[in-house]
N, C-alpha and C. Protein backbone atom coordinates (compact mmCIF):
# COMPACT_ATOMS: atom_id res chain seq x y z
N UNK A 1 11.63 -11.42 -20.47
CA UNK A 1 12.02 -11.54 -19.08
C UNK A 1 11.86 -10.20 -18.36
N UNK A 2 12.18 -9.11 -19.06
CA UNK A 2 12.02 -7.78 -18.46
C UNK A 2 10.56 -7.47 -18.20
N UNK A 3 9.68 -7.91 -19.10
CA UNK A 3 8.25 -7.67 -18.91
C UNK A 3 7.75 -8.40 -17.68
N UNK A 4 8.21 -9.64 -17.47
CA UNK A 4 7.81 -10.40 -16.29
C UNK A 4 8.29 -9.71 -15.02
N UNK A 5 9.51 -9.16 -15.03
CA UNK A 5 10.04 -8.46 -13.86
C UNK A 5 9.22 -7.22 -13.55
N UNK A 6 8.87 -6.45 -14.58
CA UNK A 6 8.07 -5.24 -14.37
C UNK A 6 6.69 -5.60 -13.86
N UNK A 7 6.06 -6.62 -14.42
CA UNK A 7 4.73 -7.02 -13.97
C UNK A 7 4.75 -7.53 -12.55
N UNK A 8 5.79 -8.26 -12.18
CA UNK A 8 5.85 -8.77 -10.80
C UNK A 8 6.09 -7.65 -9.81
N UNK A 9 6.85 -6.63 -10.18
CA UNK A 9 7.08 -5.50 -9.28
C UNK A 9 5.80 -4.68 -9.11
N UNK A 10 5.10 -4.42 -10.22
CA UNK A 10 3.87 -3.63 -10.12
C UNK A 10 2.76 -4.40 -9.44
N UNK A 11 2.77 -5.71 -9.52
CA UNK A 11 1.75 -6.51 -8.85
C UNK A 11 1.93 -6.49 -7.34
N UNK A 12 3.15 -6.23 -6.87
CA UNK A 12 3.43 -6.24 -5.44
C UNK A 12 3.15 -4.90 -4.77
N UNK A 13 2.92 -3.84 -5.53
CA UNK A 13 2.68 -2.55 -4.92
C UNK A 13 1.27 -2.51 -4.34
N UNK A 14 1.14 -1.78 -3.26
CA UNK A 14 -0.15 -1.67 -2.58
C UNK A 14 -1.10 -0.81 -3.42
N UNK A 15 -2.39 -1.10 -3.38
CA UNK A 15 -3.33 -0.28 -4.13
C UNK A 15 -3.43 1.12 -3.53
N UNK A 16 -3.56 2.10 -4.39
CA UNK A 16 -3.65 3.50 -3.98
C UNK A 16 -5.04 4.01 -4.34
N UNK A 17 -5.66 4.73 -3.41
CA UNK A 17 -6.98 5.32 -3.64
C UNK A 17 -6.83 6.84 -3.65
N UNK A 18 -7.52 7.47 -4.60
CA UNK A 18 -7.46 8.91 -4.75
C UNK A 18 -8.88 9.45 -4.82
N UNK A 19 -9.15 10.50 -4.06
CA UNK A 19 -10.39 11.26 -4.20
C UNK A 19 -9.98 12.68 -4.52
N UNK A 20 -10.49 13.17 -5.66
CA UNK A 20 -10.04 14.44 -6.20
C UNK A 20 -11.25 15.26 -6.60
N UNK A 21 -11.22 16.55 -6.32
CA UNK A 21 -12.27 17.45 -6.78
C UNK A 21 -11.98 17.78 -8.24
N UNK A 22 -12.81 17.28 -9.13
CA UNK A 22 -12.57 17.45 -10.57
C UNK A 22 -12.71 18.90 -11.03
N UNK A 23 -13.39 19.72 -10.25
CA UNK A 23 -13.58 21.12 -10.64
C UNK A 23 -12.35 21.97 -10.34
N UNK A 24 -11.38 21.42 -9.63
CA UNK A 24 -10.21 22.19 -9.21
C UNK A 24 -9.11 22.10 -10.26
N UNK A 25 -8.53 23.24 -10.59
CA UNK A 25 -7.40 23.31 -11.50
C UNK A 25 -6.11 23.31 -10.65
N UNK A 26 -5.39 22.22 -10.67
CA UNK A 26 -4.20 22.10 -9.84
C UNK A 26 -3.01 22.87 -10.37
N UNK A 27 -3.12 23.41 -11.58
CA UNK A 27 -2.03 24.23 -12.11
C UNK A 27 -1.91 25.56 -11.37
N UNK A 28 -2.98 26.01 -10.71
CA UNK A 28 -2.93 27.29 -9.98
C UNK A 28 -2.24 27.15 -8.62
N UNK A 29 -2.05 25.92 -8.15
CA UNK A 29 -1.39 25.69 -6.87
C UNK A 29 0.09 25.50 -7.08
N UNK A 30 0.88 26.31 -6.40
CA UNK A 30 2.33 26.19 -6.52
C UNK A 30 3.04 26.23 -5.18
N UNK A 31 2.34 26.54 -4.10
CA UNK A 31 2.98 26.58 -2.79
C UNK A 31 2.13 25.79 -1.79
N UNK A 32 2.80 25.27 -0.78
CA UNK A 32 2.11 24.47 0.23
C UNK A 32 2.75 24.67 1.60
N UNK A 33 1.99 24.30 2.62
CA UNK A 33 2.48 24.36 4.00
C UNK A 33 1.93 23.14 4.73
N UNK A 34 2.75 22.56 5.58
CA UNK A 34 2.32 21.40 6.37
C UNK A 34 1.51 21.87 7.56
N UNK A 35 0.46 21.16 7.89
CA UNK A 35 -0.31 21.42 9.10
C UNK A 35 -0.37 20.15 9.93
N UNK A 36 -0.39 20.30 11.23
CA UNK A 36 -0.47 19.16 12.13
C UNK A 36 -1.93 18.84 12.41
N UNK A 37 -2.25 17.56 12.43
CA UNK A 37 -3.60 17.14 12.79
C UNK A 37 -3.58 16.62 14.21
N UNK A 38 -4.62 16.97 14.95
CA UNK A 38 -4.75 16.53 16.34
C UNK A 38 -6.18 16.06 16.57
N UNK A 39 -6.34 15.30 17.65
CA UNK A 39 -7.67 14.78 17.96
C UNK A 39 -8.63 15.91 18.33
N UNK A 40 -8.15 16.90 19.06
CA UNK A 40 -8.95 18.07 19.39
C UNK A 40 -8.01 19.24 19.67
N UNK A 41 -8.58 20.42 19.98
CA UNK A 41 -7.79 21.62 20.17
C UNK A 41 -6.83 21.52 21.35
N UNK A 42 -7.22 20.82 22.40
CA UNK A 42 -6.41 20.75 23.61
C UNK A 42 -5.42 19.59 23.60
N UNK A 43 -5.35 18.86 22.53
CA UNK A 43 -4.46 17.70 22.45
C UNK A 43 -3.03 18.16 22.17
N UNK A 44 -2.18 18.09 23.18
CA UNK A 44 -0.78 18.47 23.04
C UNK A 44 0.13 17.27 23.18
N UNK A 45 -0.43 16.08 23.16
CA UNK A 45 0.37 14.87 23.34
C UNK A 45 1.18 14.58 22.07
N UNK A 46 2.26 13.83 22.26
CA UNK A 46 3.05 13.44 21.10
C UNK A 46 2.32 12.34 20.37
N UNK A 47 2.41 12.37 19.08
CA UNK A 47 1.73 11.37 18.26
C UNK A 47 2.46 10.04 18.37
N UNK A 48 1.74 8.93 18.36
CA UNK A 48 2.40 7.64 18.44
C UNK A 48 3.27 7.35 17.22
N UNK A 49 3.03 8.01 16.12
CA UNK A 49 3.83 7.78 14.92
C UNK A 49 4.79 8.93 14.66
N UNK A 50 5.18 9.66 15.70
CA UNK A 50 6.02 10.84 15.51
C UNK A 50 7.36 10.51 14.88
N UNK A 51 7.86 9.28 15.06
CA UNK A 51 9.11 8.91 14.42
C UNK A 51 8.98 8.93 12.89
N UNK A 52 7.79 8.74 12.40
CA UNK A 52 7.57 8.72 10.95
C UNK A 52 7.30 10.09 10.36
N UNK A 53 7.15 11.12 11.22
CA UNK A 53 6.87 12.47 10.73
C UNK A 53 7.90 12.93 9.71
N UNK A 54 9.16 12.79 10.05
CA UNK A 54 10.23 13.26 9.18
C UNK A 54 10.22 12.48 7.88
N UNK A 55 10.00 11.17 7.96
CA UNK A 55 10.01 10.34 6.76
C UNK A 55 8.88 10.72 5.80
N UNK A 56 7.68 10.89 6.34
CA UNK A 56 6.53 11.26 5.50
C UNK A 56 6.78 12.62 4.86
N UNK A 57 7.20 13.57 5.65
CA UNK A 57 7.41 14.92 5.12
C UNK A 57 8.54 14.95 4.09
N UNK A 58 9.64 14.26 4.35
CA UNK A 58 10.75 14.26 3.38
C UNK A 58 10.34 13.62 2.06
N UNK A 59 9.63 12.47 2.14
CA UNK A 59 9.19 11.80 0.92
C UNK A 59 8.19 12.66 0.15
N UNK A 60 7.24 13.27 0.86
CA UNK A 60 6.24 14.12 0.19
C UNK A 60 6.87 15.40 -0.34
N UNK A 61 7.78 16.00 0.42
CA UNK A 61 8.47 17.21 -0.05
C UNK A 61 9.22 16.94 -1.35
N UNK A 62 9.89 15.80 -1.43
CA UNK A 62 10.64 15.46 -2.65
C UNK A 62 9.70 15.33 -3.84
N UNK A 63 8.55 14.68 -3.63
CA UNK A 63 7.60 14.49 -4.72
C UNK A 63 6.94 15.82 -5.12
N UNK A 64 6.64 16.67 -4.13
CA UNK A 64 6.02 17.96 -4.44
C UNK A 64 7.00 18.87 -5.18
N UNK A 65 8.29 18.81 -4.82
CA UNK A 65 9.30 19.59 -5.53
C UNK A 65 9.41 19.14 -6.99
N UNK A 66 9.29 17.83 -7.21
CA UNK A 66 9.32 17.31 -8.59
C UNK A 66 8.16 17.88 -9.41
N UNK A 67 7.02 18.11 -8.75
CA UNK A 67 5.84 18.66 -9.43
C UNK A 67 5.93 20.17 -9.58
N UNK A 68 7.00 20.80 -9.07
CA UNK A 68 7.17 22.24 -9.21
C UNK A 68 6.58 23.05 -8.07
N UNK A 69 6.22 22.42 -6.98
CA UNK A 69 5.67 23.13 -5.82
C UNK A 69 6.79 23.52 -4.88
N UNK A 70 6.54 24.56 -4.06
CA UNK A 70 7.54 24.96 -3.07
C UNK A 70 6.87 25.10 -1.70
N UNK A 71 7.63 24.77 -0.67
CA UNK A 71 7.12 24.87 0.70
C UNK A 71 7.32 26.29 1.21
N UNK A 72 6.27 26.84 1.82
CA UNK A 72 6.33 28.19 2.38
C UNK A 72 5.89 28.15 3.84
N UNK A 73 6.17 29.23 4.56
CA UNK A 73 5.78 29.30 5.97
C UNK A 73 4.56 30.18 6.20
N UNK A 74 4.19 30.99 5.20
CA UNK A 74 2.98 31.79 5.33
C UNK A 74 2.34 32.00 3.96
N UNK A 75 1.02 32.19 3.96
CA UNK A 75 0.22 32.42 2.77
C UNK A 75 0.40 31.33 1.70
N UNK A 76 0.14 30.05 2.06
CA UNK A 76 0.28 28.98 1.06
C UNK A 76 -0.99 28.86 0.21
N UNK A 77 -0.85 28.18 -0.91
CA UNK A 77 -2.01 27.87 -1.75
C UNK A 77 -2.73 26.63 -1.21
N UNK A 78 -1.97 25.68 -0.71
CA UNK A 78 -2.50 24.39 -0.24
C UNK A 78 -1.96 24.10 1.15
N UNK A 79 -2.83 23.53 2.00
CA UNK A 79 -2.41 23.02 3.30
C UNK A 79 -2.34 21.49 3.17
N UNK A 80 -1.20 20.93 3.55
CA UNK A 80 -0.99 19.49 3.42
C UNK A 80 -0.96 18.87 4.81
N UNK A 81 -1.72 17.81 5.00
CA UNK A 81 -1.68 17.07 6.25
C UNK A 81 -1.62 15.59 5.92
N UNK A 82 -1.26 14.80 6.90
CA UNK A 82 -1.15 13.37 6.68
C UNK A 82 -1.52 12.63 7.95
N UNK A 83 -1.75 11.35 7.79
CA UNK A 83 -2.03 10.49 8.93
C UNK A 83 -1.44 9.12 8.64
N UNK A 84 -0.84 8.52 9.65
CA UNK A 84 -0.30 7.16 9.55
C UNK A 84 -1.01 6.33 10.60
N UNK A 85 -1.57 5.21 10.17
CA UNK A 85 -2.33 4.35 11.07
C UNK A 85 -1.86 2.91 10.89
N UNK A 86 -1.57 2.25 12.00
CA UNK A 86 -1.25 0.82 11.98
C UNK A 86 -2.35 0.11 12.75
N UNK A 87 -2.99 -0.88 12.11
CA UNK A 87 -4.12 -1.56 12.73
C UNK A 87 -4.01 -3.07 12.55
N UNK A 88 -4.72 -3.78 13.43
CA UNK A 88 -4.79 -5.24 13.32
C UNK A 88 -5.88 -5.62 12.34
N UNK A 89 -5.62 -6.63 11.54
CA UNK A 89 -6.59 -7.10 10.57
C UNK A 89 -6.35 -8.58 10.33
N UNK A 90 -7.16 -9.17 9.51
CA UNK A 90 -6.95 -10.56 9.13
C UNK A 90 -6.88 -10.65 7.61
N UNK A 91 -6.09 -11.60 7.14
CA UNK A 91 -5.96 -11.84 5.72
C UNK A 91 -6.39 -13.28 5.45
N UNK A 92 -7.20 -13.45 4.42
CA UNK A 92 -7.68 -14.77 4.05
C UNK A 92 -6.62 -15.48 3.23
N UNK A 93 -6.22 -16.65 3.66
CA UNK A 93 -5.25 -17.47 2.92
C UNK A 93 -5.93 -18.72 2.41
N UNK A 94 -5.49 -19.19 1.27
CA UNK A 94 -5.99 -20.41 0.66
C UNK A 94 -4.80 -21.24 0.21
N UNK A 95 -4.66 -22.42 0.76
CA UNK A 95 -3.61 -23.33 0.35
C UNK A 95 -4.23 -24.51 -0.39
N UNK A 96 -3.63 -24.89 -1.52
CA UNK A 96 -4.17 -26.04 -2.25
C UNK A 96 -3.92 -27.34 -1.47
N UNK A 97 -4.85 -28.27 -1.60
CA UNK A 97 -4.74 -29.57 -0.93
C UNK A 97 -4.72 -30.65 -2.00
N UNK A 98 -3.77 -31.58 -1.86
CA UNK A 98 -3.61 -32.67 -2.80
C UNK A 98 -3.68 -34.01 -2.07
N UNK A 99 -4.10 -35.05 -2.79
CA UNK A 99 -4.10 -36.40 -2.21
C UNK A 99 -2.67 -36.91 -2.16
N UNK A 100 -2.46 -37.93 -1.37
CA UNK A 100 -1.14 -38.56 -1.28
C UNK A 100 -0.90 -39.40 -2.54
N UNK A 101 0.25 -39.26 -3.15
CA UNK A 101 0.56 -40.11 -4.30
C UNK A 101 0.96 -41.50 -3.79
N UNK A 102 0.73 -42.50 -4.62
CA UNK A 102 1.10 -43.86 -4.21
C UNK A 102 1.39 -44.69 -5.45
N UNK A 103 1.98 -45.84 -5.22
CA UNK A 103 2.24 -46.76 -6.33
C UNK A 103 1.73 -48.15 -5.94
N UNK A 104 1.48 -48.97 -6.95
CA UNK A 104 0.96 -50.31 -6.73
C UNK A 104 1.75 -51.27 -7.61
N UNK A 105 2.11 -52.38 -7.05
CA UNK A 105 2.82 -53.38 -7.85
C UNK A 105 1.83 -54.44 -8.31
N UNK A 106 2.10 -55.02 -9.44
CA UNK A 106 1.24 -56.06 -10.00
C UNK A 106 2.11 -57.09 -10.73
N UNK A 107 1.55 -58.24 -10.94
CA UNK A 107 2.25 -59.28 -11.68
C UNK A 107 1.57 -59.45 -13.03
N UNK A 108 2.37 -59.43 -14.11
CA UNK A 108 1.87 -59.63 -15.46
C UNK A 108 2.19 -61.07 -15.86
N UNK A 109 1.16 -61.95 -15.87
CA UNK A 109 1.44 -63.35 -16.16
C UNK A 109 1.91 -63.60 -17.61
N UNK A 110 1.51 -62.76 -18.52
CA UNK A 110 1.91 -62.94 -19.91
C UNK A 110 3.40 -62.68 -20.10
N UNK A 111 3.89 -61.61 -19.46
CA UNK A 111 5.31 -61.29 -19.56
C UNK A 111 6.13 -61.95 -18.45
N UNK A 112 5.45 -62.51 -17.45
CA UNK A 112 6.08 -63.12 -16.29
C UNK A 112 7.01 -62.12 -15.57
N UNK A 113 6.48 -60.92 -15.37
CA UNK A 113 7.23 -59.87 -14.68
C UNK A 113 6.33 -59.13 -13.70
N UNK A 114 7.01 -58.55 -12.73
CA UNK A 114 6.33 -57.64 -11.81
C UNK A 114 6.45 -56.24 -12.38
N UNK A 115 5.39 -55.46 -12.27
CA UNK A 115 5.40 -54.06 -12.72
C UNK A 115 4.87 -53.13 -11.64
N UNK A 116 5.10 -51.85 -11.86
CA UNK A 116 4.65 -50.86 -10.89
C UNK A 116 3.80 -49.82 -11.61
N UNK A 117 2.67 -49.51 -11.02
CA UNK A 117 1.81 -48.42 -11.53
C UNK A 117 1.91 -47.28 -10.52
N UNK A 118 2.21 -46.09 -11.03
CA UNK A 118 2.33 -44.91 -10.18
C UNK A 118 1.05 -44.08 -10.31
N UNK A 119 0.45 -43.76 -9.17
CA UNK A 119 -0.73 -42.91 -9.12
C UNK A 119 -0.31 -41.55 -8.54
N UNK A 120 -0.25 -40.51 -9.37
CA UNK A 120 0.19 -39.20 -8.86
C UNK A 120 -0.86 -38.57 -7.95
N UNK A 121 -0.41 -37.55 -7.20
CA UNK A 121 -1.35 -36.85 -6.32
C UNK A 121 -2.35 -36.08 -7.17
N UNK A 122 -3.53 -35.86 -6.61
CA UNK A 122 -4.59 -35.17 -7.32
C UNK A 122 -5.08 -34.00 -6.48
N UNK A 123 -5.44 -32.93 -7.18
CA UNK A 123 -5.98 -31.74 -6.51
C UNK A 123 -7.38 -32.05 -5.98
N UNK A 124 -7.62 -31.76 -4.68
CA UNK A 124 -8.94 -32.03 -4.10
C UNK A 124 -9.64 -30.78 -3.58
N UNK A 125 -8.96 -29.64 -3.56
CA UNK A 125 -9.61 -28.42 -3.09
C UNK A 125 -8.63 -27.48 -2.41
N UNK A 126 -9.18 -26.60 -1.59
CA UNK A 126 -8.39 -25.61 -0.88
C UNK A 126 -8.63 -25.68 0.62
N UNK A 127 -7.60 -25.39 1.37
CA UNK A 127 -7.71 -25.23 2.82
C UNK A 127 -7.71 -23.73 3.09
N UNK A 128 -8.86 -23.16 3.48
CA UNK A 128 -9.01 -21.73 3.72
C UNK A 128 -8.88 -21.42 5.21
N UNK A 129 -8.14 -20.36 5.52
CA UNK A 129 -7.99 -19.95 6.91
C UNK A 129 -7.61 -18.47 6.97
N UNK A 130 -7.82 -17.86 8.13
CA UNK A 130 -7.50 -16.45 8.36
C UNK A 130 -6.19 -16.33 9.11
N UNK A 131 -5.38 -15.35 8.70
CA UNK A 131 -4.09 -15.09 9.33
C UNK A 131 -4.12 -13.66 9.86
N UNK A 132 -3.76 -13.45 11.14
CA UNK A 132 -3.72 -12.07 11.64
C UNK A 132 -2.53 -11.31 11.02
N UNK A 133 -2.78 -10.08 10.60
CA UNK A 133 -1.74 -9.24 10.01
C UNK A 133 -1.86 -7.82 10.56
N UNK A 134 -0.78 -7.08 10.44
CA UNK A 134 -0.79 -5.64 10.75
C UNK A 134 -0.87 -4.91 9.42
N UNK A 135 -1.78 -3.94 9.34
CA UNK A 135 -1.91 -3.13 8.14
C UNK A 135 -1.54 -1.69 8.45
N UNK A 136 -0.73 -1.11 7.60
CA UNK A 136 -0.35 0.29 7.72
C UNK A 136 -1.05 1.12 6.66
N UNK A 137 -1.67 2.22 7.06
CA UNK A 137 -2.36 3.11 6.13
C UNK A 137 -1.74 4.49 6.22
N UNK A 138 -1.38 5.03 5.06
CA UNK A 138 -0.85 6.40 4.98
C UNK A 138 -1.85 7.21 4.18
N UNK A 139 -2.27 8.35 4.74
CA UNK A 139 -3.23 9.23 4.08
C UNK A 139 -2.62 10.62 3.94
N UNK A 140 -2.68 11.18 2.75
CA UNK A 140 -2.25 12.56 2.50
C UNK A 140 -3.49 13.36 2.09
N UNK A 141 -3.68 14.52 2.73
CA UNK A 141 -4.84 15.36 2.45
C UNK A 141 -4.37 16.74 2.04
N UNK A 142 -4.91 17.25 0.93
CA UNK A 142 -4.58 18.57 0.41
C UNK A 142 -5.83 19.44 0.53
N UNK A 143 -5.71 20.54 1.27
CA UNK A 143 -6.83 21.45 1.53
C UNK A 143 -6.51 22.81 0.94
N UNK A 144 -7.46 23.39 0.23
CA UNK A 144 -7.28 24.74 -0.31
C UNK A 144 -7.21 25.71 0.87
N UNK A 145 -6.16 26.50 0.94
CA UNK A 145 -5.94 27.40 2.08
C UNK A 145 -6.96 28.54 2.11
N UNK A 146 -7.47 28.97 0.97
CA UNK A 146 -8.40 30.10 0.95
C UNK A 146 -9.83 29.67 1.26
N UNK A 147 -10.26 28.51 0.75
CA UNK A 147 -11.64 28.07 0.95
C UNK A 147 -11.79 27.05 2.06
N UNK A 148 -10.70 26.51 2.57
CA UNK A 148 -10.69 25.48 3.61
C UNK A 148 -11.48 24.24 3.15
N UNK A 149 -11.38 23.94 1.87
CA UNK A 149 -12.07 22.81 1.27
C UNK A 149 -11.04 21.76 0.86
N UNK A 150 -11.30 20.50 1.20
CA UNK A 150 -10.40 19.42 0.80
C UNK A 150 -10.54 19.23 -0.71
N UNK A 151 -9.42 19.36 -1.43
CA UNK A 151 -9.45 19.25 -2.88
C UNK A 151 -8.86 17.94 -3.37
N UNK A 152 -8.09 17.28 -2.51
CA UNK A 152 -7.45 16.04 -2.92
C UNK A 152 -7.08 15.22 -1.70
N UNK A 153 -7.34 13.92 -1.78
CA UNK A 153 -6.94 13.03 -0.71
C UNK A 153 -6.50 11.71 -1.34
N UNK A 154 -5.34 11.22 -0.90
CA UNK A 154 -4.83 9.95 -1.40
C UNK A 154 -4.40 9.08 -0.24
N UNK A 155 -4.65 7.78 -0.34
CA UNK A 155 -4.24 6.88 0.73
C UNK A 155 -3.90 5.52 0.17
N UNK A 156 -3.06 4.82 0.90
CA UNK A 156 -2.68 3.47 0.54
C UNK A 156 -2.58 2.63 1.80
N UNK A 157 -2.97 1.37 1.69
CA UNK A 157 -2.92 0.43 2.82
C UNK A 157 -2.17 -0.81 2.38
N UNK A 158 -1.26 -1.26 3.23
CA UNK A 158 -0.49 -2.46 2.91
C UNK A 158 -0.16 -3.19 4.20
N UNK A 159 0.06 -4.48 4.09
CA UNK A 159 0.45 -5.28 5.26
C UNK A 159 1.88 -4.90 5.64
N UNK A 160 2.12 -4.76 6.95
CA UNK A 160 3.47 -4.46 7.45
C UNK A 160 3.94 -5.61 8.31
N UNK A 161 5.25 -5.74 8.41
CA UNK A 161 5.83 -6.89 9.11
C UNK A 161 6.04 -6.65 10.61
N UNK A 162 5.97 -5.44 11.05
CA UNK A 162 6.34 -5.12 12.42
C UNK A 162 5.17 -4.45 13.14
N UNK A 163 5.38 -4.20 14.43
CA UNK A 163 4.38 -3.48 15.22
C UNK A 163 4.18 -2.07 14.67
N UNK A 164 5.26 -1.49 14.21
CA UNK A 164 5.21 -0.14 13.65
C UNK A 164 5.60 -0.20 12.19
N UNK A 165 5.17 0.78 11.46
CA UNK A 165 5.50 0.85 10.05
C UNK A 165 6.93 1.38 9.91
N UNK A 166 7.73 0.79 9.03
CA UNK A 166 9.13 1.18 8.88
C UNK A 166 9.26 2.38 7.96
N UNK A 167 10.43 3.02 8.00
CA UNK A 167 10.67 4.19 7.15
C UNK A 167 10.64 3.82 5.67
N UNK A 168 11.10 2.61 5.34
CA UNK A 168 11.06 2.17 3.94
C UNK A 168 9.62 2.00 3.47
N UNK A 169 8.76 1.45 4.33
CA UNK A 169 7.36 1.27 3.97
C UNK A 169 6.64 2.61 3.84
N UNK A 170 6.99 3.57 4.71
CA UNK A 170 6.40 4.91 4.63
C UNK A 170 6.81 5.58 3.33
N UNK A 171 8.09 5.55 3.02
CA UNK A 171 8.59 6.17 1.79
C UNK A 171 7.95 5.54 0.56
N UNK A 172 7.87 4.23 0.53
CA UNK A 172 7.25 3.54 -0.61
C UNK A 172 5.77 3.90 -0.73
N UNK A 173 5.06 3.98 0.39
CA UNK A 173 3.65 4.35 0.37
C UNK A 173 3.41 5.75 -0.16
N UNK A 174 4.23 6.71 0.30
CA UNK A 174 4.09 8.10 -0.16
C UNK A 174 4.40 8.18 -1.66
N UNK A 175 5.44 7.50 -2.10
CA UNK A 175 5.77 7.52 -3.53
C UNK A 175 4.66 6.89 -4.36
N UNK A 176 4.04 5.82 -3.87
CA UNK A 176 2.94 5.20 -4.59
C UNK A 176 1.74 6.14 -4.71
N UNK A 177 1.48 6.89 -3.65
CA UNK A 177 0.38 7.87 -3.70
C UNK A 177 0.66 8.93 -4.75
N UNK A 178 1.89 9.47 -4.76
CA UNK A 178 2.22 10.53 -5.72
C UNK A 178 2.31 10.01 -7.15
N UNK A 179 2.60 8.71 -7.34
CA UNK A 179 2.59 8.16 -8.69
C UNK A 179 1.19 8.23 -9.29
N UNK A 180 0.19 8.01 -8.45
CA UNK A 180 -1.19 8.03 -8.95
C UNK A 180 -1.76 9.45 -9.03
N UNK A 181 -1.22 10.37 -8.23
CA UNK A 181 -1.67 11.77 -8.29
C UNK A 181 -1.16 12.42 -9.54
N UNK A 182 -1.94 13.32 -10.06
CA UNK A 182 -1.48 14.15 -11.17
C UNK A 182 -1.73 15.59 -10.76
N UNK A 183 -0.73 16.18 -10.11
CA UNK A 183 -0.91 17.51 -9.53
C UNK A 183 -0.90 18.62 -10.57
N UNK A 184 -0.55 18.31 -11.80
CA UNK A 184 -0.51 19.35 -12.82
C UNK A 184 -1.74 19.33 -13.72
N UNK A 185 -2.63 18.34 -13.52
CA UNK A 185 -3.79 18.25 -14.41
C UNK A 185 -4.89 19.22 -14.02
N UNK A 186 -5.80 19.44 -14.94
CA UNK A 186 -6.90 20.36 -14.70
C UNK A 186 -8.09 19.60 -14.18
């Protein structure tokens, strides 16, 4: 029963994608600093997902501290940035279709009785249709501060229930990304 519970929980997690520079030794990185991403240099507008800034940073900070990294304000080893995107998409649904079950009565002259034959429903195929959904994507990017080269990027996309992505969904997405990352490997 415990195995079924674990498999059902892991089956529900959103897929995580990682792109990593295999030539980079992540053991040499121990400090990081957050950087803000903007559309261009003159963009001073507030981000539409600014409410999620604190949630993303707190979740990522907790995971980075677990890996032995520390946040600094100057001369970091890694620059960390993120992006949260909520977009409209469609999801393909398939519902099974069955025939109507029915019964038929008959008369058995040998036994001089009425009987009933039950015909159960039968599978006849699938009803396929598209359902509009909102998808939330969280992307974390790690850039080497000295070479300005992206050394690691992780992202996850999952369907969200609301117009905006919730703090619980953001925290779960960041944790899923860090579960797949191995920041101490060579």
